[in-house]
Each structure stands twice: as structure tokens, then as C-alpha cells.
């Protein structure tokens, strides 16, 4: 079509307070379930609390013609390992009101069905921000002046770097908005066939400002965020190919893995022992074996995937290595060229995907508490 109107409903679940206790411990294991226009998404489960802090953003793509009279429903539930989850309360918003003004603040949780009666605060309250984002997509010629301005420093490299549009973007974006800017930049330059030159330009300028090789690309600069988003855009199928088999196995096996003595629940391990509860040493030994097995499979999958790695990622990292060699040429800094690449490939690509598979579309739902702990230890 000549013009599109993509709509994204963004619901930022921040926290809840004074939730009803549903467990014997006098607390709950709350998670939030957000539903809109036939789609449902859930947050992670926060264990043993009546004051959960999620800080999660759930996004819905709305079809043409919505919102109309559609409703956004936000429910809070207590997760149970056996039996049904317990309902803790809900809040509903008509999308028409969100369209004119973002919804933000604390909202009293109501029973099901929602009523306006006063329940004396028994169900607690939910803090969130809901925003309806509407992007008007115009025909391509309208964007040519902007694309020309952004690509100019790369296509015509003679101008002073401080005055370019890319340099100005770096200056005016805060840490919070930098990820959004990096995502848009990567997509624009991919569309122009200039993604690798963009990353080269940004990383070269970042290196020029770096004096200590041990801190190279450690900050959340526009360069670091752009490489991170670039890997997500071009490398997601590759990531799935490498990690999905072992991540699925970890979810399915639900093994008990714990190395911290302060967090070990020895009584819960009784069902895997024929002689009562296991000792701390046995749990640690079992956990180490499991972690080594999972980690070995992950490392083997990564090392064996060289030929599957997208060519454009390989080209980008080859150029990055050359730039780092030029910036830190001495023999004592020889390893920096490899650390700079592994910092992106492992710390900003593979490790975050292992830690939270849902954010990389490796799984449809967040991990339960036990699996989440295993993933955290693996990521570390």
C-alpha cells in the first residue's frame, strides 16, 4: 500500500504491591498476564513475594482497524507448581482512552469480574505504563533526504566527524533511547546495503575515544548497541539453530541445579535419593555434572556452527578485528582483537539468549523458577 499505519500497544509492567497471600508461607509467586484483541502474553514469575518487581515490556501488534472498542486486560496470578494458578486481581483499560493519552500510575486490582465496589485494598495494586504507538509509514521517496543525511558520512567520508548526523545522534540520545535509535539505524542501513560500513564507522569512532583496551566496547554506546541490534536482526535464525536444541532440553528436563550453599533446598532433592535428603556435597556434585554437560553441549554447538554463521556477521567482525588491531597494535594487546569480538558474540548474543530465551523467541514462555536458575548459572 501507498501508506501504512502499524500500531503497537506497549504495556510496561513495573511492579505490584500488597498482593493477597495465596501460599502457606504467607506470600505468593505472582506473574502478570496481559491480553488484548485475542493475544496473550505473560511476565516472569517472581517467587515468594507480595511486592513483585517485573520491569517487563510486553508488546502487541494491532491489526488495521483496531483499537475501536477493544479492551486491554491485565491480570495478576499466583503461580503454583501443582494444581491451578490462583487469581489475584485484574485491571482493564479501553484502548480508546490509551490512544488519546498514555495510561500511567498505580491501579487498584479488582476481582473477577471487575467491579467498581470498594474492596478495602484487599487485592493490592499494580503499577504500569500503557502506550499505543502509531507509526505512519509514508512512500519511500519521503525518506530519501533523511537517508541521505544519515549515510553521507559513510558515502562521503571526508567531512569532520563531529558534525555528522550520526555523531549528533550519539550526543543527543540517552541510554534509554539509544537502543531504539540503534535498532532503527541498523534496519535503515541494512535496507541500503550499508550495515557493515555503518558498524565500521561507529566502532572506529568508539575505538578512537578508548584509551584503555580493557574497557573496549564495554559501555552502552551507539556503537555497542548497534552491533548488538545488528546481531539480533541478521543472526536470530543462526542463534536458534545453535541454541534451541539444548535450551529445549533444559526446559524439558527441569533438573535441580544449585551451587550456592545458601540457596540449596536439600529437602526438595529427597525424591531423587533413595536414602533421605541429599547432602550439600552431593547436590553440588550433581549440579556441577549437569552444568558441565549442558555447557559442553552449548560450546560444542557454537564451535561447530562456524559455517552456519551468517556471512554478513563474519564480514562485520573481520572488519572490527582489523580496526582493533590498528588501534592497539602492540604485542601486549594482541588478545584485545579477540576479546572485542567475543564480548559481542558471547556477552551480548549467546549469553543473554541462554539467560532469557523468551526475549530471543527461543521459547514462548518464561522459564519457571528452577529452570531459570539453571539458565542463570549457565549464562554466568
Protein backbone atom coordinates (compact mmCIF):
# COMPACT_ATOMS: atom_id res chain seq x y z
CA UNK A 1 0.00 0.00 0.00
CA UNK A 2 1.00 3.60 -0.52
CA UNK A 3 0.76 4.32 3.19
CA UNK A 4 0.62 2.08 6.26
CA UNK A 5 -0.35 2.65 9.89
CA UNK A 6 1.35 -0.03 12.01
CA UNK A 7 0.12 0.14 15.60
CA UNK A 8 1.99 -1.32 18.57
CA UNK A 9 0.48 -1.48 22.04
CA UNK A 10 3.29 -1.37 24.59
CA UNK A 11 2.47 -2.39 28.16
CA UNK A 12 5.26 -1.81 30.67
CA UNK A 13 4.56 -3.89 33.81
CA UNK A 14 6.61 -2.30 36.56
CA UNK A 15 5.54 -3.71 39.93
CA UNK A 16 2.66 -4.64 42.24
CA UNK A 17 2.11 -4.14 45.94
CA UNK A 18 0.02 -5.58 48.79
CA UNK A 19 -0.97 -8.66 46.80
CA UNK A 20 -3.13 -11.28 48.53
CA UNK A 21 -1.10 -14.15 50.08
CA UNK A 22 -2.00 -17.44 48.41
CA UNK A 23 0.77 -19.74 49.67
CA UNK A 24 1.35 -21.31 53.10
CA UNK A 25 4.39 -19.05 53.51
CA UNK A 26 2.08 -16.01 53.64
CA UNK A 27 3.29 -14.78 50.24
CA UNK A 28 2.58 -15.57 46.59
CA UNK A 29 4.50 -16.37 43.40
CA UNK A 30 3.00 -13.64 41.20
CA UNK A 31 3.11 -13.17 37.44
CA UNK A 32 1.10 -10.85 35.20
CA UNK A 33 -0.95 -11.93 32.16
CA UNK A 34 -1.77 -9.26 29.57
CA UNK A 35 -4.50 -9.88 26.97
CA UNK A 36 -5.61 -7.74 24.05
CA UNK A 37 -7.51 -8.43 20.80
CA UNK A 38 -7.20 -12.21 21.17
CA UNK A 39 -3.48 -12.21 22.03
CA UNK A 40 -2.00 -13.02 25.44
CA UNK A 41 1.49 -12.51 26.88
CA UNK A 42 2.90 -13.21 30.34
CA UNK A 43 5.68 -11.83 32.52
CA UNK A 44 8.17 -13.87 34.50
CA UNK A 45 7.13 -15.42 37.84
CA UNK A 46 8.57 -13.65 40.90
CA UNK A 47 8.86 -16.15 43.76
CA UNK A 48 7.70 -15.70 47.35
CA UNK A 49 6.61 -12.07 47.47
CA UNK A 50 3.55 -9.86 47.75
CA UNK A 51 5.54 -6.96 46.24
CA UNK A 52 6.85 -8.24 42.88
CA UNK A 53 9.01 -6.05 40.65
CA UNK A 54 8.85 -7.19 37.00
CA UNK A 55 10.01 -4.20 34.93
CA UNK A 56 8.95 -6.02 31.73
CA UNK A 57 7.62 -4.54 28.48
CA UNK A 58 5.05 -6.65 26.61
CA UNK A 59 4.19 -5.58 23.05
CA UNK A 60 1.17 -6.33 20.84
CA UNK A 61 0.92 -5.58 17.13
CA UNK A 62 -2.62 -4.40 16.46
CA UNK A 63 -4.41 -5.18 13.21
CA UNK A 64 -5.75 -2.45 10.93
CA UNK A 65 -8.99 -1.01 12.26
CA UNK A 66 -8.27 -1.70 15.92
CA UNK A 67 -8.50 -0.50 18.66
CA UNK A 68 -12.15 0.51 18.27
CA UNK A 69 -13.95 -0.73 21.39
CA UNK A 70 -11.25 -3.29 22.28
CA UNK A 71 -10.07 -3.72 25.88
CA UNK A 72 -6.67 -4.33 27.38
CA UNK A 73 -6.86 -6.75 30.32
CA UNK A 74 -4.03 -7.03 32.85
CA UNK A 75 -4.39 -9.89 35.33
CA UNK A 76 -2.16 -10.91 38.21
CA UNK A 77 -1.91 -14.62 39.10
CA UNK A 78 -0.16 -16.70 41.73
CA UNK A 79 1.84 -19.46 40.03
CA UNK A 80 1.56 -22.96 41.52
CA UNK A 81 3.82 -25.89 40.71
CA UNK A 82 0.88 -28.28 41.15
CA UNK A 83 -2.79 -27.62 40.55
CA UNK A 84 -4.30 -24.46 39.10
CA UNK A 85 -2.81 -20.99 39.37
CA UNK A 86 -4.67 -18.67 41.78
CA UNK A 87 -6.25 -15.45 40.53
CA UNK A 88 -5.00 -12.32 42.36
CA UNK A 89 -6.84 -9.50 40.60
CA UNK A 90 -7.19 -7.61 37.33
CA UNK A 91 -7.32 -4.16 35.73
CA UNK A 92 -8.99 -3.31 32.41
CA UNK A 93 -8.45 -0.36 30.08
CA UNK A 94 -10.45 0.63 26.97
CA UNK A 95 -7.93 1.12 24.15
CA UNK A 96 -9.69 4.33 23.07
CA UNK A 97 -8.58 6.06 26.27
CA UNK A 98 -4.98 4.86 25.82
CA UNK A 99 -4.98 6.13 22.26
CA UNK A 100 -5.52 9.73 23.34
CA UNK A 101 -3.33 9.64 26.43
CA UNK A 102 -0.80 7.08 27.78
CA UNK A 103 -2.01 5.28 30.92
CA UNK A 104 0.49 5.51 33.76
CA UNK A 105 0.49 5.01 37.52
CA UNK A 106 -0.85 2.75 40.27
CA UNK A 107 -4.17 0.96 39.69
CA UNK A 108 -6.28 -0.89 42.25
CA UNK A 109 -6.67 -4.58 41.42
CA UNK A 110 -10.30 -5.70 41.14
CA UNK A 111 -11.88 -9.18 41.45
CA UNK A 112 -13.27 -11.11 38.52
CA UNK A 113 -15.49 -9.88 37.02
CA UNK A 114 -14.15 -6.35 37.54
CA UNK A 115 -16.40 -4.17 39.67
CA UNK A 116 -16.22 -0.65 40.98
CA UNK A 117 -17.01 -1.68 44.56
CA UNK A 118 -14.60 -0.81 47.31
CA UNK A 119 -12.80 -3.96 48.46
CA UNK A 120 -10.72 -2.20 51.07
CA UNK A 121 -7.48 -2.72 49.18
CA UNK A 122 -7.56 -6.48 49.78
CA UNK A 123 -6.26 -7.29 46.30
CA UNK A 124 -3.42 -4.76 46.23
CA UNK A 125 -2.39 -2.51 43.36
CA UNK A 126 -0.50 -2.71 40.07
CA UNK A 127 1.90 -0.11 38.69
CA UNK A 128 2.25 0.06 34.92
CA UNK A 129 2.57 2.24 31.85
CA UNK A 130 0.50 1.52 28.72
CA UNK A 131 1.19 3.35 25.47
CA UNK A 132 -0.28 2.98 22.00
CA UNK A 133 2.39 3.72 19.40
CA UNK A 134 1.25 4.52 15.88
CA UNK A 135 3.86 4.82 13.11
CA UNK A 136 2.79 6.39 9.85
CA UNK A 137 4.76 4.73 7.06
CA UNK A 138 4.98 7.01 4.03
CA UNK A 139 6.06 6.11 0.47
CA UNK A 140 9.89 5.63 0.15
CA UNK A 141 10.68 8.97 -1.60
CA UNK A 142 9.65 10.87 1.54
CA UNK A 143 12.54 9.31 3.47
CA UNK A 144 15.29 9.94 0.92
CA UNK A 145 16.52 13.25 2.44
CA UNK A 146 16.83 11.59 5.88
CA UNK A 147 18.59 8.52 4.44
CA UNK A 148 20.96 10.78 2.50
CA UNK A 149 21.76 12.76 5.66
CA UNK A 150 22.44 9.59 7.68
CA UNK A 151 24.52 7.82 5.03
CA UNK A 152 26.52 10.90 4.00
CA UNK A 153 29.40 10.45 6.49
CA UNK A 154 29.88 6.87 5.23
CA UNK A 155 29.47 7.50 1.50
CA UNK A 156 31.46 10.78 1.67
CA UNK A 157 33.98 10.20 4.48
CA UNK A 158 35.89 13.49 4.08
CA UNK A 159 33.75 15.65 6.40
CA UNK A 160 34.63 16.40 10.06
CA UNK A 161 33.24 13.54 12.16
CA UNK A 162 31.87 15.76 14.96
CA UNK A 163 29.36 17.48 12.70
CA UNK A 164 27.75 14.41 11.10
CA UNK A 165 24.18 13.31 11.75
CA UNK A 166 25.46 10.07 13.31
CA UNK A 167 27.69 11.99 15.73
CA UNK A 168 24.80 14.26 16.71
CA UNK A 169 22.57 11.22 17.31
CA UNK A 170 25.21 9.79 19.64
CA UNK A 171 25.25 13.05 21.60
CA UNK A 172 21.51 13.62 21.94
CA UNK A 173 20.35 10.05 22.71
CA UNK A 174 20.20 8.94 26.32
CA UNK A 175 20.93 5.40 27.46
CA UNK A 176 17.21 4.61 27.50
CA UNK A 177 16.51 5.68 23.90
CA UNK A 178 19.83 4.60 22.42
CA UNK A 179 18.66 1.04 21.84
CA UNK A 180 15.64 2.24 19.83
CA UNK A 181 17.86 4.56 17.77
CA UNK A 182 20.38 1.75 17.16
CA UNK A 183 17.59 -0.61 16.03
CA UNK A 184 16.24 1.93 13.54
CA UNK A 185 19.73 2.79 12.24
CA UNK A 186 20.65 -0.86 11.67
CA UNK A 187 17.43 -1.52 9.75
CA UNK A 188 17.84 1.62 7.61
CA UNK A 189 21.43 0.78 6.73
CA UNK A 190 20.62 -2.89 6.08
CA UNK A 191 17.99 -1.69 3.61
CA UNK A 192 20.63 0.43 1.89
CA UNK A 193 23.18 -2.42 1.86
CA UNK A 194 25.43 -0.37 4.15
CA UNK A 195 25.13 -2.15 7.52
CA UNK A 196 28.79 -3.27 7.66
CA UNK A 197 30.14 0.22 6.75
CA UNK A 198 27.83 1.72 9.43
CA UNK A 199 29.21 -0.61 12.13
CA UNK A 200 32.76 0.06 10.93
CA UNK A 201 32.17 3.82 11.13
CA UNK A 202 30.65 3.68 14.62
CA UNK A 203 33.15 1.21 16.10
CA UNK A 204 36.13 3.12 14.63
CA UNK A 205 34.95 6.31 16.33
CA UNK A 206 34.32 4.44 19.57
CA UNK A 207 37.86 2.99 19.44
CA UNK A 208 39.32 6.45 18.83
CA UNK A 209 37.80 7.56 22.17
CA UNK A 210 39.01 4.44 24.04
CA UNK A 211 42.35 4.69 25.84
CA UNK A 212 42.20 1.54 27.98
CA UNK A 213 41.95 -1.67 25.89
CA UNK A 214 40.34 -3.47 28.85
CA UNK A 215 37.24 -1.26 28.57
CA UNK A 216 36.76 -1.50 24.81
CA UNK A 217 33.04 -1.66 23.85
CA UNK A 218 32.03 -2.15 27.49
CA UNK A 219 29.76 0.93 27.58
CA UNK A 220 26.27 1.06 26.08
CA UNK A 221 27.34 3.46 23.36
CA UNK A 222 25.61 3.84 19.99
CA UNK A 223 28.35 1.63 18.51
CA UNK A 224 27.85 -1.18 21.04
CA UNK A 225 24.07 -1.04 20.81
CA UNK A 226 24.20 -1.01 17.00
CA UNK A 227 26.40 -4.14 16.85
CA UNK A 228 24.08 -5.79 19.39
CA UNK A 229 20.96 -4.98 17.33
CA UNK A 230 22.71 -5.98 14.10
CA UNK A 231 23.39 -9.46 15.53
CA UNK A 232 19.75 -9.79 16.60
CA UNK A 233 18.43 -8.81 13.18
CA UNK A 234 20.75 -10.85 10.95
CA UNK A 235 21.71 -13.63 13.39
CA UNK A 236 18.44 -14.75 15.01
CA UNK A 237 17.93 -17.84 12.75
CA UNK A 238 21.60 -18.77 13.39
CA UNK A 239 21.11 -18.32 17.15
CA UNK A 240 18.04 -20.58 17.07
CA UNK A 241 19.90 -23.22 15.08
CA UNK A 242 22.74 -23.27 17.62
CA UNK A 243 20.92 -22.94 20.96
CA UNK A 244 17.38 -24.23 20.55
CA UNK A 245 18.09 -27.99 20.95
CA UNK A 246 19.94 -27.62 24.26
CA UNK A 247 17.63 -24.88 25.61
CA UNK A 248 14.59 -27.05 24.88
CA UNK A 249 16.25 -29.97 26.66
CA UNK A 250 16.94 -27.83 29.76
CA UNK A 251 13.28 -26.77 29.86
CA UNK A 252 12.02 -30.32 29.42
CA UNK A 253 14.35 -32.00 31.93
CA UNK A 254 13.73 -29.44 34.75
CA UNK A 255 16.76 -30.73 36.67
CA UNK A 256 17.58 -29.25 40.08
CA UNK A 257 20.83 -27.29 39.73
CA UNK A 258 22.33 -25.16 42.53
CA UNK A 259 25.91 -24.31 43.51
CA UNK A 260 25.26 -21.68 46.20
CA UNK A 261 25.05 -23.44 49.62
CA UNK A 262 22.84 -20.61 50.91
CA UNK A 263 20.22 -21.36 48.26
CA UNK A 264 20.24 -25.15 48.31
CA UNK A 265 16.92 -26.77 49.21
CA UNK A 266 18.18 -30.17 50.32
CA UNK A 267 14.76 -31.44 51.37
CA UNK A 268 13.39 -30.85 47.85
CA UNK A 269 16.09 -33.14 46.48
CA UNK A 270 14.79 -36.09 48.54
CA UNK A 271 12.78 -37.51 45.67
CA UNK A 272 15.97 -38.22 43.70
CA UNK A 273 17.66 -40.01 46.61
CA UNK A 274 16.97 -43.48 47.98
CA UNK A 275 18.44 -42.62 51.41
CA UNK A 276 16.61 -39.49 52.52
CA UNK A 277 17.71 -35.95 51.69
CA UNK A 278 20.96 -35.38 49.85
CA UNK A 279 23.98 -33.75 51.40
CA UNK A 280 25.23 -30.36 50.26
CA UNK A 281 28.26 -32.01 48.67
CA UNK A 282 26.09 -34.43 46.66
CA UNK A 283 23.84 -31.62 45.40
CA UNK A 284 26.88 -29.60 44.37
CA UNK A 285 28.46 -32.61 42.65
CA UNK A 286 25.23 -33.39 40.80
CA UNK A 287 24.77 -29.73 39.83
CA UNK A 288 28.33 -29.45 38.52
CA UNK A 289 27.88 -32.54 36.38
CA UNK A 290 24.64 -31.22 34.91
CA UNK A 291 26.09 -27.75 34.26
CA UNK A 292 29.20 -29.22 32.62
CA UNK A 293 27.01 -31.40 30.41
CA UNK A 294 24.76 -28.54 29.31
CA UNK A 295 27.66 -26.13 28.88
CA UNK A 296 29.67 -28.67 26.93
CA UNK A 297 26.78 -29.14 24.52
CA UNK A 298 26.39 -25.36 24.15
CA UNK A 299 30.09 -24.79 23.48
CA UNK A 300 30.23 -27.72 21.03
CA UNK A 301 27.19 -26.32 19.21
CA UNK A 302 28.75 -22.85 18.96
CA UNK A 303 32.20 -24.09 17.90
CA UNK A 304 30.67 -26.46 15.35
CA UNK A 305 28.50 -23.73 13.82
CA UNK A 306 31.22 -21.70 12.07
CA UNK A 307 29.93 -22.47 8.59
CA UNK A 308 26.36 -21.59 9.62
CA UNK A 309 27.31 -18.15 10.96
CA UNK A 310 25.81 -15.53 8.56
CA UNK A 311 28.39 -14.21 6.13
CA UNK A 312 27.49 -10.59 6.90
CA UNK A 313 28.25 -11.19 10.61
CA UNK A 314 31.62 -12.70 9.74
CA UNK A 315 32.48 -9.76 7.48
CA UNK A 316 31.47 -7.25 10.19
CA UNK A 317 33.61 -8.98 12.82
CA UNK A 318 36.57 -9.31 10.45
CA UNK A 319 36.45 -5.55 9.93
CA UNK A 320 36.10 -4.99 13.68
CA UNK A 321 39.18 -7.10 14.36
CA UNK A 322 41.18 -5.05 11.82
CA UNK A 323 40.12 -1.79 13.47
CA UNK A 324 41.09 -3.05 16.93
CA UNK A 325 44.50 -4.18 15.60
CA UNK A 326 45.07 -0.70 14.17
CA UNK A 327 44.09 0.99 17.44
CA UNK A 328 46.08 -1.32 19.76
CA UNK A 329 48.94 -2.69 17.62
CA UNK A 330 51.45 -3.61 20.36
CA UNK A 331 52.18 -7.28 21.11
CA UNK A 332 50.95 -6.95 24.71
CA UNK A 333 47.47 -6.10 23.36
CA UNK A 334 47.32 -8.96 20.88
CA UNK A 335 44.36 -10.63 22.58
CA UNK A 336 42.22 -7.46 22.56
CA UNK A 337 41.22 -8.11 18.93
CA UNK A 338 39.63 -11.40 20.01
CA UNK A 339 38.12 -10.08 23.26
CA UNK A 340 36.38 -7.32 21.33
CA UNK A 341 34.61 -9.88 19.14
CA UNK A 342 33.86 -12.40 21.92
CA UNK A 343 32.48 -9.54 24.04
CA UNK A 344 29.80 -9.03 21.41
CA UNK A 345 29.29 -12.63 20.32
CA UNK A 346 29.10 -14.14 23.80
CA UNK A 347 28.23 -11.37 26.27
CA UNK A 348 25.66 -9.64 24.03
CA UNK A 349 24.36 -12.53 21.89
CA UNK A 350 24.67 -16.10 23.15
CA UNK A 351 24.69 -15.46 26.93
CA UNK A 352 21.59 -13.18 27.03
CA UNK A 353 19.70 -15.71 24.86
CA UNK A 354 20.56 -18.51 27.31
CA UNK A 355 19.58 -16.31 30.28
CA UNK A 356 16.17 -15.22 28.88
CA UNK A 357 15.23 -17.44 25.91
CA UNK A 358 11.79 -15.81 25.58
CA UNK A 359 13.32 -12.44 24.63
CA UNK A 360 15.07 -14.12 21.68
CA UNK A 361 11.98 -16.15 20.67
CA UNK A 362 13.69 -19.41 21.68
CA UNK A 363 10.70 -20.21 23.93
CA UNK A 364 7.13 -18.97 24.01
CA UNK A 365 7.01 -18.55 27.80
CA UNK A 366 9.46 -17.51 30.51
CA UNK A 367 11.25 -20.25 32.41
CA UNK A 368 9.89 -21.49 35.72
CA UNK A 369 12.00 -20.67 38.78
CA UNK A 370 14.05 -23.90 38.77
CA UNK A 371 14.83 -23.75 35.03
CA UNK A 372 15.52 -20.01 35.30
CA UNK A 373 18.16 -20.68 37.96
CA UNK A 374 19.86 -23.28 35.73
CA UNK A 375 19.88 -20.82 32.80
CA UNK A 376 21.33 -18.08 35.04
CA UNK A 377 24.19 -20.33 36.18
CA UNK A 378 24.88 -21.36 32.57
CA UNK A 379 24.89 -17.74 31.38
CA UNK A 380 27.31 -16.78 34.14
